[in-house]
Every structure is written in structure tokens, then in C-alpha cells.
C-alpha atoms as a PDB file:
ATOM      1  CA  MET A   1     -14.257   4.327  10.458  1.00  0.00           C
ATOM      2  CA  LYS A   2     -11.009   4.996  12.108  1.00  0.00           C
ATOM      3  CA  LYS A   3      -8.407   7.276  10.983  1.00  0.00           C
ATOM      4  CA  LEU A   4      -5.101   5.818  10.049  1.00  0.00           C
ATOM      5  CA  GLN A   5      -2.202   7.430  11.834  1.00  0.00           C
ATOM      6  CA  SER A   6       0.789   9.095   9.995  1.00  0.00           C
ATOM      7  CA  GLU A   7       3.079   6.430  11.012  1.00  0.00           C
ATOM      8  CA  VAL A   8       1.096   3.798   9.263  1.00  0.00           C
ATOM      9  CA  TRP A   9       0.741   5.984   6.140  1.00  0.00           C
ATOM     10  CA  LEU A  10       4.579   6.361   6.529  1.00  0.00           C
ATOM     11  CA  VAL A  11       5.216   2.400   6.453  1.00  0.00           C
ATOM     12  CA  ILE A  12       2.626   1.957   3.778  1.00  0.00           C
ATOM     13  CA  ALA A  13       4.592   4.399   1.423  1.00  0.00           C
ATOM     14  CA  ALA A  14       8.025   2.739   2.379  1.00  0.00           C
ATOM     15  CA  ILE A  15       6.624  -0.721   1.521  1.00  0.00           C
ATOM     16  CA  LEU A  16       5.259   0.502  -1.845  1.00  0.00           C
ATOM     17  CA  PHE A  17       8.763   2.267  -2.437  1.00  0.00           C
ATOM     18  CA  LEU A  18      10.453  -1.221  -1.581  1.00  0.00           C
ATOM     19  CA  VAL A  19       7.982  -3.333  -3.615  1.00  0.00           C
ATOM     20  CA  SER A  20       8.416  -0.824  -6.771  1.00  0.00           C
ATOM     21  CA  TRP A  21      12.194  -1.286  -6.428  1.00  0.00           C
ATOM     22  CA  LEU A  22      11.953  -5.215  -6.071  1.00  0.00           C
ATOM     23  CA  ILE A  23       9.650  -5.063  -9.347  1.00  0.00           C
ATOM     24  CA  ASP A  24      11.915  -3.075 -11.351  1.00  0.00           C
ATOM     25  CA  LYS A  25      14.920  -5.598 -10.134  1.00  0.00           C
ATOM     26  CA  LEU A  26      13.002  -8.554 -11.421  1.00  0.00           C
ATOM     27  CA  GLY A  27      11.921  -6.806 -14.456  1.00  0.00           C
ATOM     28  CA  GLY A  28      15.437  -5.731 -15.463  1.00  0.00           C
ATOM     29  CA  PRO A  29      16.715  -2.576 -17.189  1.00  0.00           C
ATOM     30  CA  VAL A  30      14.283  -0.811 -19.502  1.00  0.00           C
ATOM     31  CA  SER A  31      15.179   1.752 -22.082  1.00  0.00           C
ATOM     32  CA  ILE A  32      11.713   2.937 -23.458  1.00  0.00           C
ATOM     33  CA  VAL A  33      11.441   6.297 -25.341  1.00  0.00           C
ATOM     34  CA  VAL A  34       8.015   7.949 -24.522  1.00  0.00           C
ATOM     35  CA  PRO A  35       7.388  11.471 -25.711  1.00  0.00           C
ATOM     36  CA  ALA A  36       5.056  12.484 -23.351  1.00  0.00           C
ATOM     37  CA  PRO A  37       4.034  10.830 -20.049  1.00  0.00           C
ATOM     38  CA  ILE A  38       0.608   9.785 -21.174  1.00  0.00           C
ATOM     39  CA  ALA A  39       1.938   8.014 -24.215  1.00  0.00           C
ATOM     40  CA  PHE A  40       2.930   5.207 -21.690  1.00  0.00           C
ATOM     41  CA  LEU A  41      -0.478   4.668 -20.585  1.00  0.00           C
ATOM     42  CA  LYS A  42      -2.241   5.053 -24.194  1.00  0.00           C
ATOM     43  CA  SER A  43       0.251   2.601 -25.603  1.00  0.00           C
ATOM     44  CA  THR A  44      -1.244  -1.082 -25.242  1.00  0.00           C
ATOM     45  CA  THR A  45       1.920  -2.317 -26.615  1.00  0.00           C
ATOM     46  CA  LEU A  46       4.074  -0.939 -24.128  1.00  0.00           C
ATOM     47  CA  LEU A  47       1.662  -1.595 -21.471  1.00  0.00           C
ATOM     48  CA  HIS A  48       1.916  -5.672 -22.742  1.00  0.00           C
ATOM     49  CA  THR A  49       5.491  -5.499 -23.514  1.00  0.00           C
ATOM     50  CA  TYR A  50       6.450  -4.123 -20.171  1.00  0.00           C
ATOM     51  CA  PRO A  51       4.014  -5.313 -17.366  1.00  0.00           C
ATOM     52  CA  PHE A  52       6.663  -5.385 -14.582  1.00  0.00           C
ATOM     53  CA  THR A  53       7.523  -1.649 -15.455  1.00  0.00           C
ATOM     54  CA  ALA A  54       3.793  -0.738 -15.601  1.00  0.00           C
ATOM     55  CA  THR A  55       3.313  -2.320 -12.531  1.00  0.00           C
ATOM     56  CA  SER A  56       6.292  -0.525 -10.795  1.00  0.00           C
ATOM     57  CA  ILE A  57       5.148   2.572 -12.183  1.00  0.00           C
ATOM     58  CA  ILE A  58       1.743   2.486 -10.622  1.00  0.00           C
ATOM     59  CA  ILE A  59       2.921   1.467  -7.237  1.00  0.00           C
ATOM     60  CA  ARG A  60       5.787   3.921  -7.247  1.00  0.00           C
ATOM     61  CA  THR A  61       3.009   6.681  -8.086  1.00  0.00           C
ATOM     62  CA  LEU A  62       0.854   5.630  -5.308  1.00  0.00           C
ATOM     63  CA  ALA A  63       3.987   6.067  -3.059  1.00  0.00           C
ATOM     64  CA  ILE A  64       4.720   9.303  -4.164  1.00  0.00           C
ATOM     65  CA  PHE A  65       1.154  10.564  -3.817  1.00  0.00           C
ATOM     66  CA  ILE A  66       1.332   9.276  -0.334  1.00  0.00           C
ATOM     67  CA  SER A  67       4.478  10.848   0.775  1.00  0.00           C
ATOM     68  CA  VAL A  68       3.433  14.168  -0.530  1.00  0.00           C
ATOM     69  CA  MET A  69       0.092  14.151   1.409  1.00  0.00           C
ATOM     70  CA  LEU A  70       2.113  12.890   4.452  1.00  0.00           C
ATOM     71  CA  ILE A  71       4.450  15.514   4.084  1.00  0.00           C
ATOM     72  CA  THR A  72       1.803  18.189   4.041  1.00  0.00           C
ATOM     73  CA  SER A  73      -0.291  16.661   6.645  1.00  0.00           C
ATOM     74  CA  LEU A  74       2.824  17.822   8.963  1.00  0.00           C
ATOM     75  CA  VAL A  75       1.154  21.297   8.952  1.00  0.00           C
ATOM     76  CA  ARG A  76      -2.158  21.317  10.954  1.00  0.00           C
ATOM     77  CA  LYS A  77      -5.024  23.140   9.316  1.00  0.00           C
ATOM     78  CA  LYS A  78      -4.024  25.589   6.753  1.00  0.00           C
ATOM     79  CA  TYR A  79      -5.832  23.665   4.284  1.00  0.00           C
ATOM     80  CA  PHE A  80      -5.703  26.411   1.420  1.00  0.00           C
ATOM     81  CA  THR A  81      -2.153  27.007   1.881  1.00  0.00           C
ATOM     82  CA  LYS A  82      -1.680  23.192   1.678  1.00  0.00           C
ATOM     83  CA  ALA A  83      -3.736  22.980  -1.742  1.00  0.00           C
ATOM     84  CA  ILE A  84      -1.515  25.867  -2.954  1.00  0.00           C
ATOM     85  CA  SER A  85       1.811  24.329  -2.165  1.00  0.00           C
ATOM     86  CA  ILE A  86       0.491  20.816  -3.659  1.00  0.00           C
ATOM     87  CA  ILE A  87      -0.415  22.628  -6.758  1.00  0.00           C
ATOM     88  CA  ILE A  88       3.091  24.065  -7.262  1.00  0.00           C
ATOM     89  CA  VAL A  89       4.779  20.876  -6.372  1.00  0.00           C
ATOM     90  CA  GLY A  90       2.464  18.916  -8.719  1.00  0.00           C
ATOM     91  CA  VAL A  91       2.966  21.450 -11.845  1.00  0.00           C
ATOM     92  CA  LEU A  92       6.795  21.813 -11.041  1.00  0.00           C
ATOM     93  CA  ALA A  93       6.942  17.635 -11.010  1.00  0.00           C
ATOM     94  CA  GLU A  94       4.987  17.792 -14.335  1.00  0.00           C
ATOM     95  CA  PHE A  95       7.446  20.243 -15.893  1.00  0.00           C
ATOM     96  CA  TYR A  96      10.269  18.036 -14.619  1.00  0.00           C
ATOM     97  CA  ALA A  97       8.781  14.931 -16.253  1.00  0.00           C
ATOM     98  CA  ILE A  98       7.909  16.685 -19.748  1.00  0.00           C
ATOM     99  CA  GLN A  99      11.394  18.209 -19.897  1.00  0.00           C
ATOM    100  CA  GLN A 100      13.044  14.911 -18.925  1.00  0.00           C
ATOM    101  CA  LEU A 101      11.270  13.126 -21.525  1.00  0.00           C
ATOM    102  CA  ALA A 102      11.534  15.531 -24.429  1.00  0.00           C
ATOM    103  CA  THR A 103      15.285  16.112 -23.730  1.00  0.00           C
ATOM    104  CA  GLY A 104      15.824  12.247 -23.453  1.00  0.00           C
ATOM    105  CA  SER A 105      17.898  13.427 -19.872  1.00  0.00           C
ATOM    106  CA  HIS A 106      18.861  10.278 -17.699  1.00  0.00           C
ATOM    107  CA  LEU A 107      18.743  12.630 -14.630  1.00  0.00           C
ATOM    108  CA  ALA A 108      16.186   9.692 -13.375  1.00  0.00           C
ATOM    109  CA  THR A 109      15.163   6.491 -14.919  1.00  0.00           C
ATOM    110  CA  ILE A 110      12.091   6.333 -16.952  1.00  0.00           C
ATOM    111  CA  GLN A 111      10.291   4.620 -14.446  1.00  0.00           C
ATOM    112  CA  TRP A 112      10.904   7.217 -11.942  1.00  0.00           C
ATOM    113  CA  THR A 113      10.095   9.846 -14.488  1.00  0.00           C
ATOM    114  CA  LEU A 114       6.810   8.388 -15.479  1.00  0.00           C
ATOM    115  CA  SER A 115       5.901   7.692 -11.531  1.00  0.00           C
ATOM    116  CA  ILE A 116       6.513  11.611 -10.875  1.00  0.00           C
ATOM    117  CA  ALA A 117       4.279  12.753 -14.077  1.00  0.00           C
ATOM    118  CA  TYR A 118       1.589  10.463 -12.786  1.00  0.00           C
ATOM    119  CA  ALA A 119       1.760  11.377  -9.244  1.00  0.00           C
ATOM    120  CA  SER A 120       1.580  14.998 -10.139  1.00  0.00           C
ATOM    121  CA  ILE A 121      -1.632  14.350 -11.985  1.00  0.00           C
ATOM    122  CA  ILE A 122      -3.172  12.264  -9.037  1.00  0.00           C
ATOM    123  CA  LEU A 123      -2.116  15.183  -6.641  1.00  0.00           C
ATOM    124  CA  LEU A 124      -5.259  17.276  -8.066  1.00  0.00           C
ATOM    125  CA  ALA A 125      -7.214  14.716  -6.047  1.00  0.00           C
ATOM    126  CA  GLY A 126      -5.174  15.782  -3.024  1.00  0.00           C
ATOM    127  CA  VAL A 127      -5.467  19.620  -4.058  1.00  0.00           C
ATOM    128  CA  VAL A 128      -9.489  19.147  -4.362  1.00  0.00           C
ATOM    129  CA  TRP A 129      -9.553  17.264  -0.984  1.00  0.00           C
ATOM    130  CA  MET A 130      -7.613  20.134   0.582  1.00  0.00           C
ATOM    131  CA  ILE A 131     -10.119  22.717  -0.753  1.00  0.00           C
ATOM    132  CA  LEU A 132     -12.880  20.807   0.702  1.00  0.00           C
ATOM    133  CA  LYS A 133     -11.390  20.379   4.062  1.00  0.00           C
ATOM    134  CA  GLY A 134     -10.596  24.130   3.950  1.00  0.00           C
ATOM    135  CA  ILE A 135     -13.976  24.976   3.062  1.00  0.00           C
ATOM    136  CA  TRP A 136     -15.745  22.605   5.616  1.00  0.00           C
ATOM    137  CA  SER A 137     -13.473  23.679   8.490  1.00  0.00           C
ATOM    138  CA  THR A 138     -14.237  27.612   7.364  1.00  0.00           C
ATOM    139  CA  PHE A 139     -17.837  26.929   7.975  1.00  0.00           C
ATOM    140  CA  ASN A 140     -17.541  24.961  11.037  1.00  0.00           C
ATOM    141  CA  LYS A 141     -15.524  27.030  13.401  1.00  0.00           C
ATOM    142  CA  SER A 142     -16.410  26.439  16.681  1.00  0.00           C
ATOM    143  CA  GLU A 143     -16.730  29.531  18.921  1.00  0.00           C
ATOM    144  CA  ASP A 144     -14.607  29.661  21.746  1.00  0.00           C
ATOM    145  CA  VAL A 145     -16.868  29.833  24.800  1.00  0.00           C
ATOM    146  CA  LYS A 146     -15.247  31.842  27.485  1.00  0.00           C
ATOM    147  CA  VAL A 147     -15.733  30.565  31.202  1.00  0.00           C
ATOM    148  CA  THR A 148     -16.589  33.630  33.596  1.00  0.00           C
ATOM    149  CA  THR A 149     -14.862  33.541  37.081  1.00  0.00           C
ATOM    150  CA  GLU A 150     -18.310  32.518  38.618  1.00  0.00           C
ATOM    151  CA  GLU A 151     -18.276  29.394  36.728  1.00  0.00           C
ATOM    152  CA  LYS A 152     -14.459  28.713  37.689  1.00  0.00           C
ATOM    153  CA  GLU A 153     -15.185  29.312  41.344  1.00  0.00           C
ATOM    154  CA  ALA A 154     -18.239  27.017  41.553  1.00  0.00           C
ATOM    155  CA  PRO A 155     -17.731  24.178  43.932  1.00  0.00           C
ATOM    156  CA  SER A 156     -17.695  20.578  42.589  1.00  0.00           C
ATOM    157  CA  VAL A 157     -20.698  18.524  43.012  1.00  0.00           C
ATOM    158  CA  LEU A 158     -18.501  15.812  44.149  1.00  0.00           C
ATOM    159  CA  GLU A 159     -17.123  17.710  47.051  1.00  0.00           C
ATOM    160  CA  PRO A 160     -19.223  17.467  50.060  1.00  0.00           C
ATOM    161  CA  THR A 161     -20.067  21.093  51.381  1.00  0.00           C
ATOM    162  CA  ASP A 162     -19.244  22.269  54.907  1.00  0.00           C
ATOM    163  CA  LYS A 163     -22.463  23.779  55.565  1.00  0.00           C
ATOM    164  CA  GLU A 164     -24.591  22.329  58.510  1.00  0.00           C
ATOM    165  CA  SER A 165     -28.511  22.583  58.046  1.00  0.00           C
END
């Protein structure tokens, strides 16, 4: 299985943001009052009444998750540091969403607020992934083999020798 390049993930995230924006435009403006982020997913009435909004939120959630993971992938190795960073970002994002819903503030639309809340929850999968990669890399460190000067000066097998027999 071939690993996807960062540029491909960037394009996927951009397309997901674009698709969620288009779905929001097709669905029209929505004014939903939700007491907590999970209440939207638990309410079958809201999910059946606002299917475009639900789809948009799910797609945007994936785009946010991919974007955060893509940003953390810019730092090579340092898996435990990345895990801690993702935890901090996820907790702050969840606090933001809870406060936005509790106060009824309109800094972001309800679609964005719910997407941020759900993305912060699925960032836990990213944290677990980074911790597992950190553990794996800790136990699989390859020892650097030092090449001695004798090995460096050894003639190549491909070059003919000047010695006559």
C-alpha cells in the first residue's frame, strides 16, 4: 500500500471544505439551538429535518481532522510532542464549541461550531495514532553503523586493480 503524499491530503482537505460550503449554500441558512455538541447527533428529529446540514457538518469535520493531522505531519518524528499538541488543540476546540453553544454566541455558524466540536473528538484517534507511532519508533531505533577509515579506503570491486600477476 502506497502512502499518500502531503499534497494529496491538502487537496482532499480543500475539496472537503469546498463541498461542505456548497452543501451549506444548497441547504440555506439554518438557525438551530443545540444545548451541547452531541445533542445534534442524538436528535433524530434534527438529523431528519436538516440532512444537508448534517452532511455538511460531517464533511467539514473530516476536513478539519485532515487539516490538523496534515499540520502536525510537517514536524518530523517527535510523535509524543505531536500527541500532546493534538490533545491541547482538541481540548481547546471542544471548550470553544461548548461555550459557543452555551452562550449562543455567533462568532461562527452553528455548522462550523458543531464541526469543530466533532473534529476535536475524532482527534483522539490522531492522538492514539501518534502515541502508537512514538512507541513503535522508540523500540525500533536503528543503530548508526560507523564506517571505519579502512572501509572507506577499500577499492571498489568495479574498478580494475593496477597489480600485475
